[in-house]
C-alpha atoms as a PDB file:
ATOM      1  CA  UNK A   1       0.000   0.000   0.000  1.00  0.00           C
ATOM      2  CA  UNK A   2       1.295   3.455  -0.905  1.00  0.00           C
ATOM      3  CA  UNK A   3       2.488   5.615   1.958  1.00  0.00           C
ATOM      4  CA  UNK A   4       1.712   9.237   2.744  1.00  0.00           C
ATOM      5  CA  UNK A   5       4.649  10.604   0.756  1.00  0.00           C
ATOM      6  CA  UNK A   6       3.922   8.450  -2.287  1.00  0.00           C
ATOM      7  CA  UNK A   7       0.305   9.573  -2.273  1.00  0.00           C
ATOM      8  CA  UNK A   8       1.345  13.197  -1.860  1.00  0.00           C
ATOM      9  CA  UNK A   9       3.771  13.025  -4.787  1.00  0.00           C
ATOM     10  CA  UNK A  10       1.219  11.339  -7.061  1.00  0.00           C
ATOM     11  CA  UNK A  11      -1.437  13.892  -6.142  1.00  0.00           C
ATOM     12  CA  UNK A  12       0.917  16.767  -7.003  1.00  0.00           C
ATOM     13  CA  UNK A  13       1.644  15.118 -10.367  1.00  0.00           C
ATOM     14  CA  UNK A  14      -2.061  14.922 -11.167  1.00  0.00           C
ATOM     15  CA  UNK A  15      -2.360  18.594 -10.225  1.00  0.00           C
ATOM     16  CA  UNK A  16       0.584  19.417 -12.501  1.00  0.00           C
ATOM     17  CA  UNK A  17      -0.880  17.505 -15.439  1.00  0.00           C
ATOM     18  CA  UNK A  18      -4.230  19.246 -14.980  1.00  0.00           C
ATOM     19  CA  UNK A  19      -2.612  22.681 -14.676  1.00  0.00           C
ATOM     20  CA  UNK A  20      -0.566  22.087 -17.828  1.00  0.00           C
ATOM     21  CA  UNK A  21      -3.515  20.683 -19.781  1.00  0.00           C
ATOM     22  CA  UNK A  22      -1.826  17.328 -20.355  1.00  0.00           C
ATOM     23  CA  UNK A  23      -4.836  15.089 -19.729  1.00  0.00           C
ATOM     24  CA  UNK A  24      -4.082  11.420 -19.117  1.00  0.00           C
ATOM     25  CA  UNK A  25      -2.408  10.480 -22.387  1.00  0.00           C
ATOM     26  CA  UNK A  26       1.239   9.501 -22.770  1.00  0.00           C
ATOM     27  CA  UNK A  27       3.563  12.508 -22.732  1.00  0.00           C
ATOM     28  CA  UNK A  28       5.250  12.811 -26.146  1.00  0.00           C
ATOM     29  CA  UNK A  29       8.040  15.116 -24.982  1.00  0.00           C
ATOM     30  CA  UNK A  30       8.948  15.641 -21.326  1.00  0.00           C
ATOM     31  CA  UNK A  31      11.378  18.437 -22.191  1.00  0.00           C
ATOM     32  CA  UNK A  32       8.712  20.447 -24.018  1.00  0.00           C
ATOM     33  CA  UNK A  33       6.212  19.945 -21.185  1.00  0.00           C
ATOM     34  CA  UNK A  34       8.661  21.046 -18.488  1.00  0.00           C
ATOM     35  CA  UNK A  35       9.891  24.091 -20.389  1.00  0.00           C
ATOM     36  CA  UNK A  36       6.296  24.948 -21.259  1.00  0.00           C
ATOM     37  CA  UNK A  37       5.552  24.984 -17.542  1.00  0.00           C
ATOM     38  CA  UNK A  38       8.122  27.769 -17.144  1.00  0.00           C
ATOM     39  CA  UNK A  39      11.052  25.754 -15.803  1.00  0.00           C
ATOM     40  CA  UNK A  40      14.579  25.972 -17.163  1.00  0.00           C
ATOM     41  CA  UNK A  41      16.477  22.783 -17.966  1.00  0.00           C
ATOM     42  CA  UNK A  42      20.157  21.953 -18.277  1.00  0.00           C
ATOM     43  CA  UNK A  43      21.105  18.654 -19.924  1.00  0.00           C
ATOM     44  CA  UNK A  44      24.799  18.119 -19.272  1.00  0.00           C
ATOM     45  CA  UNK A  45      27.435  15.470 -18.810  1.00  0.00           C
ATOM     46  CA  UNK A  46      27.375  14.781 -15.075  1.00  0.00           C
ATOM     47  CA  UNK A  47      29.229  12.202 -12.969  1.00  0.00           C
ATOM     48  CA  UNK A  48      28.125   8.624 -13.729  1.00  0.00           C
ATOM     49  CA  UNK A  49      26.308   8.142 -10.435  1.00  0.00           C
ATOM     50  CA  UNK A  50      24.381  11.425 -10.723  1.00  0.00           C
ATOM     51  CA  UNK A  51      21.036  11.318 -12.549  1.00  0.00           C
ATOM     52  CA  UNK A  52      20.075  14.942 -12.059  1.00  0.00           C
ATOM     53  CA  UNK A  53      19.395  17.775  -9.639  1.00  0.00           C
ATOM     54  CA  UNK A  54      16.960  20.551  -8.847  1.00  0.00           C
ATOM     55  CA  UNK A  55      18.559  23.850  -7.914  1.00  0.00           C
ATOM     56  CA  UNK A  56      16.276  26.599  -6.671  1.00  0.00           C
ATOM     57  CA  UNK A  57      17.634  30.090  -6.237  1.00  0.00           C
ATOM     58  CA  UNK A  58      16.172  33.574  -6.071  1.00  0.00           C
ATOM     59  CA  UNK A  59      15.531  33.599  -9.809  1.00  0.00           C
ATOM     60  CA  UNK A  60      13.662  30.272  -9.858  1.00  0.00           C
ATOM     61  CA  UNK A  61      14.389  26.592 -10.382  1.00  0.00           C
ATOM     62  CA  UNK A  62      16.864  25.035 -12.800  1.00  0.00           C
ATOM     63  CA  UNK A  63      16.370  21.322 -13.453  1.00  0.00           C
ATOM     64  CA  UNK A  64      19.497  19.321 -14.292  1.00  0.00           C
ATOM     65  CA  UNK A  65      19.595  16.038 -16.222  1.00  0.00           C
ATOM     66  CA  UNK A  66      22.543  13.762 -16.975  1.00  0.00           C
ATOM     67  CA  UNK A  67      22.539  13.730 -20.774  1.00  0.00           C
ATOM     68  CA  UNK A  68      24.959  10.783 -20.913  1.00  0.00           C
ATOM     69  CA  UNK A  69      22.286   8.398 -19.628  1.00  0.00           C
ATOM     70  CA  UNK A  70      19.570   6.622 -21.675  1.00  0.00           C
ATOM     71  CA  UNK A  71      16.667   8.798 -22.785  1.00  0.00           C
ATOM     72  CA  UNK A  72      14.147   6.792 -20.776  1.00  0.00           C
ATOM     73  CA  UNK A  73      16.152   7.551 -17.644  1.00  0.00           C
ATOM     74  CA  UNK A  74      16.523  11.188 -18.645  1.00  0.00           C
ATOM     75  CA  UNK A  75      12.737  11.490 -18.955  1.00  0.00           C
ATOM     76  CA  UNK A  76      12.213   9.981 -15.505  1.00  0.00           C
ATOM     77  CA  UNK A  77      14.974  12.166 -14.053  1.00  0.00           C
ATOM     78  CA  UNK A  78      13.451  15.308 -15.550  1.00  0.00           C
ATOM     79  CA  UNK A  79      10.011  14.394 -14.187  1.00  0.00           C
ATOM     80  CA  UNK A  80      11.591  13.657 -10.778  1.00  0.00           C
ATOM     81  CA  UNK A  81      13.316  17.065 -10.709  1.00  0.00           C
ATOM     82  CA  UNK A  82      10.074  18.730 -11.797  1.00  0.00           C
ATOM     83  CA  UNK A  83       8.492  16.991  -8.816  1.00  0.00           C
ATOM     84  CA  UNK A  84      10.997  18.617  -6.468  1.00  0.00           C
ATOM     85  CA  UNK A  85      10.269  22.026  -7.996  1.00  0.00           C
ATOM     86  CA  UNK A  86       6.490  21.593  -8.189  1.00  0.00           C
ATOM     87  CA  UNK A  87       6.329  20.403  -4.575  1.00  0.00           C
ATOM     88  CA  UNK A  88       8.611  23.313  -3.576  1.00  0.00           C
ATOM     89  CA  UNK A  89      11.136  21.108  -1.864  1.00  0.00           C
ATOM     90  CA  UNK A  90      14.267  22.553  -0.310  1.00  0.00           C
ATOM     91  CA  UNK A  91      16.417  24.040  -3.087  1.00  0.00           C
ATOM     92  CA  UNK A  92      19.617  22.841  -1.442  1.00  0.00           C
ATOM     93  CA  UNK A  93      18.894  19.123  -1.799  1.00  0.00           C
ATOM     94  CA  UNK A  94      21.840  16.981  -2.811  1.00  0.00           C
ATOM     95  CA  UNK A  95      21.990  15.852  -6.458  1.00  0.00           C
ATOM     96  CA  UNK A  96      19.882  12.793  -7.209  1.00  0.00           C
ATOM     97  CA  UNK A  97      21.762   9.552  -7.713  1.00  0.00           C
ATOM     98  CA  UNK A  98      20.673   6.657  -9.898  1.00  0.00           C
ATOM     99  CA  UNK A  99      19.990   4.660  -6.728  1.00  0.00           C
ATOM    100  CA  UNK A 100      17.660   7.377  -5.392  1.00  0.00           C
ATOM    101  CA  UNK A 101      15.601   7.392  -8.576  1.00  0.00           C
ATOM    102  CA  UNK A 102      15.448   3.588  -8.414  1.00  0.00           C
ATOM    103  CA  UNK A 103      13.580   3.895  -5.121  1.00  0.00           C
ATOM    104  CA  UNK A 104      16.478   3.140  -2.782  1.00  0.00           C
ATOM    105  CA  UNK A 105      15.746   6.003  -0.431  1.00  0.00           C
ATOM    106  CA  UNK A 106      13.862   6.774   2.763  1.00  0.00           C
ATOM    107  CA  UNK A 107      13.992  10.557   2.291  1.00  0.00           C
ATOM    108  CA  UNK A 108      10.366  11.777   2.149  1.00  0.00           C
ATOM    109  CA  UNK A 109      11.197  14.439  -0.458  1.00  0.00           C
ATOM    110  CA  UNK A 110      12.757  11.808  -2.729  1.00  0.00           C
ATOM    111  CA  UNK A 111       9.837   9.422  -2.243  1.00  0.00           C
ATOM    112  CA  UNK A 112       7.463  12.242  -3.201  1.00  0.00           C
ATOM    113  CA  UNK A 113       9.539  13.149  -6.268  1.00  0.00           C
ATOM    114  CA  UNK A 114       9.703   9.510  -7.426  1.00  0.00           C
ATOM    115  CA  UNK A 115       5.943   9.135  -7.026  1.00  0.00           C
ATOM    116  CA  UNK A 116       5.457  12.433  -8.857  1.00  0.00           C
ATOM    117  CA  UNK A 117       7.616  11.231 -11.766  1.00  0.00           C
ATOM    118  CA  UNK A 118       5.814   7.887 -12.020  1.00  0.00           C
ATOM    119  CA  UNK A 119       2.366   9.505 -12.055  1.00  0.00           C
ATOM    120  CA  UNK A 120       3.459  12.355 -14.339  1.00  0.00           C
ATOM    121  CA  UNK A 121       4.866   9.999 -16.978  1.00  0.00           C
ATOM    122  CA  UNK A 122       2.504   7.030 -16.511  1.00  0.00           C
ATOM    123  CA  UNK A 123      -0.755   8.493 -15.153  1.00  0.00           C
ATOM    124  CA  UNK A 124      -2.980   6.118 -13.261  1.00  0.00           C
ATOM    125  CA  UNK A 125      -6.139   7.243 -15.081  1.00  0.00           C
ATOM    126  CA  UNK A 126      -4.759   6.337 -18.508  1.00  0.00           C
ATOM    127  CA  UNK A 127      -2.863   3.191 -17.545  1.00  0.00           C
ATOM    128  CA  UNK A 128      -4.899   0.033 -17.979  1.00  0.00           C
ATOM    129  CA  UNK A 129      -4.074  -3.172 -19.839  1.00  0.00           C
ATOM    130  CA  UNK A 130      -7.366  -4.986 -19.293  1.00  0.00           C
ATOM    131  CA  UNK A 131      -5.722  -8.400 -19.023  1.00  0.00           C
ATOM    132  CA  UNK A 132      -2.960 -10.247 -17.223  1.00  0.00           C
ATOM    133  CA  UNK A 133       0.265  -8.531 -18.387  1.00  0.00           C
ATOM    134  CA  UNK A 134       3.016 -10.362 -20.220  1.00  0.00           C
ATOM    135  CA  UNK A 135       6.606  -9.225 -20.740  1.00  0.00           C
ATOM    136  CA  UNK A 136       5.591  -8.173 -24.263  1.00  0.00           C
ATOM    137  CA  UNK A 137       2.883  -5.961 -22.728  1.00  0.00           C
ATOM    138  CA  UNK A 138       5.432  -4.425 -20.368  1.00  0.00           C
ATOM    139  CA  UNK A 139       7.815  -3.544 -23.188  1.00  0.00           C
ATOM    140  CA  UNK A 140       5.042  -2.221 -25.436  1.00  0.00           C
ATOM    141  CA  UNK A 141       3.635  -0.071 -22.627  1.00  0.00           C
ATOM    142  CA  UNK A 142       7.089   1.180 -21.641  1.00  0.00           C
ATOM    143  CA  UNK A 143       7.644   2.283 -25.239  1.00  0.00           C
ATOM    144  CA  UNK A 144       4.277   4.029 -25.334  1.00  0.00           C
ATOM    145  CA  UNK A 145       5.040   6.068 -22.208  1.00  0.00           C
ATOM    146  CA  UNK A 146       8.737   6.606 -22.899  1.00  0.00           C
ATOM    147  CA  UNK A 147       9.973   4.937 -19.729  1.00  0.00           C
ATOM    148  CA  UNK A 148      12.012   1.837 -18.918  1.00  0.00           C
ATOM    149  CA  UNK A 149      10.450  -1.597 -18.611  1.00  0.00           C
ATOM    150  CA  UNK A 150      11.130  -1.715 -14.873  1.00  0.00           C
ATOM    151  CA  UNK A 151       9.128   1.492 -14.359  1.00  0.00           C
ATOM    152  CA  UNK A 152       6.086  -0.226 -15.890  1.00  0.00           C
ATOM    153  CA  UNK A 153       6.591  -3.232 -13.612  1.00  0.00           C
ATOM    154  CA  UNK A 154       6.725  -0.872 -10.613  1.00  0.00           C
ATOM    155  CA  UNK A 155       3.555   0.877 -11.804  1.00  0.00           C
ATOM    156  CA  UNK A 156       1.759  -2.453 -12.129  1.00  0.00           C
ATOM    157  CA  UNK A 157       2.733  -3.183  -8.539  1.00  0.00           C
ATOM    158  CA  UNK A 158       1.881   0.293  -7.213  1.00  0.00           C
ATOM    159  CA  UNK A 159      -1.539   0.291  -8.843  1.00  0.00           C
ATOM    160  CA  UNK A 160      -2.179  -3.378  -7.976  1.00  0.00           C
ATOM    161  CA  UNK A 161      -3.053  -4.232 -11.576  1.00  0.00           C
ATOM    162  CA  UNK A 162      -1.915  -7.831 -11.244  1.00  0.00           C
ATOM    163  CA  UNK A 163      -0.939 -10.417  -8.669  1.00  0.00           C
ATOM    164  CA  UNK A 164       2.262 -10.226  -6.602  1.00  0.00           C
ATOM    165  CA  UNK A 165       3.326 -13.496  -8.212  1.00  0.00           C
ATOM    166  CA  UNK A 166       3.024 -12.063 -11.738  1.00  0.00           C
ATOM    167  CA  UNK A 167       4.869  -8.897 -10.642  1.00  0.00           C
ATOM    168  CA  UNK A 168       7.722 -10.988  -9.246  1.00  0.00           C
ATOM    169  CA  UNK A 169       7.933 -12.962 -12.485  1.00  0.00           C
ATOM    170  CA  UNK A 170       7.930  -9.842 -14.686  1.00  0.00           C
ATOM    171  CA  UNK A 171      10.514  -8.131 -12.501  1.00  0.00           C
ATOM    172  CA  UNK A 172      12.790 -11.167 -12.709  1.00  0.00           C
ATOM    173  CA  UNK A 173      12.406 -11.314 -16.493  1.00  0.00           C
ATOM    174  CA  UNK A 174      13.364  -7.638 -16.791  1.00  0.00           C
ATOM    175  CA  UNK A 175      16.295  -8.022 -14.417  1.00  0.00           C
ATOM    176  CA  UNK A 176      17.460 -11.003 -16.505  1.00  0.00           C
ATOM    177  CA  UNK A 177      17.391  -8.776 -19.594  1.00  0.00           C
ATOM    178  CA  UNK A 178      14.765 -10.812 -21.452  1.00  0.00           C
ATOM    179  CA  UNK A 179      12.896  -7.621 -22.373  1.00  0.00           C
ATOM    180  CA  UNK A 180      15.845  -6.450 -24.478  1.00  0.00           C
ATOM    181  CA  UNK A 181      14.848  -8.966 -27.184  1.00  0.00           C
ATOM    182  CA  UNK A 182      11.462  -7.284 -27.602  1.00  0.00           C
ATOM    183  CA  UNK A 183      12.165  -4.166 -29.634  1.00  0.00           C
ATOM    184  CA  UNK A 184       9.633  -1.418 -30.368  1.00  0.00           C
ATOM    185  CA  UNK A 185      10.017   1.959 -32.067  1.00  0.00           C
ATOM    186  CA  UNK A 186      11.008   4.347 -29.249  1.00  0.00           C
ATOM    187  CA  UNK A 187       8.964   7.403 -28.366  1.00  0.00           C
ATOM    188  CA  UNK A 188      10.734  10.496 -29.731  1.00  0.00           C
ATOM    189  CA  UNK A 189      11.454  13.035 -27.021  1.00  0.00           C
ATOM    190  CA  UNK A 190      13.513  16.141 -27.786  1.00  0.00           C
ATOM    191  CA  UNK A 191      15.931  14.814 -25.196  1.00  0.00           C
ATOM    192  CA  UNK A 192      16.884  12.186 -27.780  1.00  0.00           C
ATOM    193  CA  UNK A 193      17.765  14.914 -30.276  1.00  0.00           C
ATOM    194  CA  UNK A 194      20.305  16.712 -28.084  1.00  0.00           C
ATOM    195  CA  UNK A 195      23.519  16.185 -30.026  1.00  0.00           C
ATOM    196  CA  UNK A 196      25.875  18.513 -28.171  1.00  0.00           C
ATOM    197  CA  UNK A 197      26.082  18.889 -24.411  1.00  0.00           C
ATOM    198  CA  UNK A 198      25.348  20.975 -22.514  1.00  0.00           C
ATOM    199  CA  UNK A 199      21.848  21.817 -23.677  1.00  0.00           C
ATOM    200  CA  UNK A 200      20.266  24.811 -21.939  1.00  0.00           C
ATOM    201  CA  UNK A 201      16.703  26.052 -22.203  1.00  0.00           C
ATOM    202  CA  UNK A 202      16.534  29.125 -24.462  1.00  0.00           C
ATOM    203  CA  UNK A 203      15.506  31.273 -21.478  1.00  0.00           C
ATOM    204  CA  UNK A 204      18.976  30.683 -19.988  1.00  0.00           C
ATOM    205  CA  UNK A 205      20.784  32.233 -22.954  1.00  0.00           C
ATOM    206  CA  UNK A 206      22.901  35.140 -21.772  1.00  0.00           C
ATOM    207  CA  UNK A 207      22.799  34.024 -18.126  1.00  0.00           C
ATOM    208  CA  UNK A 208      25.802  33.604 -15.863  1.00  0.00           C
ATOM    209  CA  UNK A 209      25.030  29.886 -15.728  1.00  0.00           C
ATOM    210  CA  UNK A 210      25.196  29.596 -19.519  1.00  0.00           C
ATOM    211  CA  UNK A 211      28.477  31.524 -19.559  1.00  0.00           C
ATOM    212  CA  UNK A 212      29.943  29.245 -16.905  1.00  0.00           C
ATOM    213  CA  UNK A 213      28.897  26.006 -18.596  1.00  0.00           C
ATOM    214  CA  UNK A 214      30.271  27.202 -21.923  1.00  0.00           C
ATOM    215  CA  UNK A 215      33.479  28.519 -20.339  1.00  0.00           C
ATOM    216  CA  UNK A 216      32.742  31.973 -21.694  1.00  0.00           C
ATOM    217  CA  UNK A 217      33.155  33.997 -18.509  1.00  0.00           C
ATOM    218  CA  UNK A 218      33.991  33.965 -14.836  1.00  0.00           C
ATOM    219  CA  UNK A 219      30.999  33.572 -12.533  1.00  0.00           C
ATOM    220  CA  UNK A 220      30.014  34.835  -9.129  1.00  0.00           C
ATOM    221  CA  UNK A 221      30.307  32.793  -5.955  1.00  0.00           C
ATOM    222  CA  UNK A 222      26.656  31.647  -5.900  1.00  0.00           C
ATOM    223  CA  UNK A 223      26.754  30.229  -9.420  1.00  0.00           C
ATOM    224  CA  UNK A 224      30.148  28.642  -8.793  1.00  0.00           C
ATOM    225  CA  UNK A 225      28.863  26.976  -5.626  1.00  0.00           C
ATOM    226  CA  UNK A 226      25.798  25.586  -7.420  1.00  0.00           C
ATOM    227  CA  UNK A 227      27.920  24.170 -10.226  1.00  0.00           C
ATOM    228  CA  UNK A 228      30.336  22.592  -7.754  1.00  0.00           C
ATOM    229  CA  UNK A 229      27.488  20.959  -5.844  1.00  0.00           C
ATOM    230  CA  UNK A 230      25.853  19.465  -8.954  1.00  0.00           C
ATOM    231  CA  UNK A 231      28.789  18.558 -11.167  1.00  0.00           C
ATOM    232  CA  UNK A 232      31.112  17.412  -8.385  1.00  0.00           C
ATOM    233  CA  UNK A 233      28.843  15.919  -5.692  1.00  0.00           C
ATOM    234  CA  UNK A 234      30.433  15.045  -2.390  1.00  0.00           C
ATOM    235  CA  UNK A 235      33.110  17.704  -2.646  1.00  0.00           C
ATOM    236  CA  UNK A 236      33.024  20.663  -0.277  1.00  0.00           C
END
């Protein structure tokens, strides 16, 4: 059964979808949706263990995504960081690791952001198979929503759409890599079209952050500290 923080995150995601007029259909492009909501995004090459980060300063939130990771993970990361911003979580949170986004966390803010991402990308109201799911169904549905196969397995479990025994079997099949033999045409998100990193939302053009990332100018202490925290986590 979902806990308080999971329910809170999912509720905020439904509010976000309603506010942005997204309905309950699959989200074609997470990047377009997030930028359309007024948030700035940086897709950059970050340390391997870092999936992304949400930095909130006086001028608003900047959502970071590790552009070296698979697009399905980038979409989930971006939705997770949007969750932090939408829920107005502390802007000094540590960068999000791959383990955190995989659910290996007890931090209530991270639980909320994971639940937000799951509901934002795979909304409960539009997610129904109507029969006992097979691995083929998992892969087909994952392709439709632009997420990884394991995210669909988790959603099946969260929404109690099948038995615990079937969930365990599907999870084992995914962990064994059997889903990799079932190929479908991937959903095309603009994240997949980023050829040169870093990518910055157009609204960031001319900013100190853009200058710093492109090595065009020296930056002030606040920007330097934010960059150090995100691109070199663990160092102080």
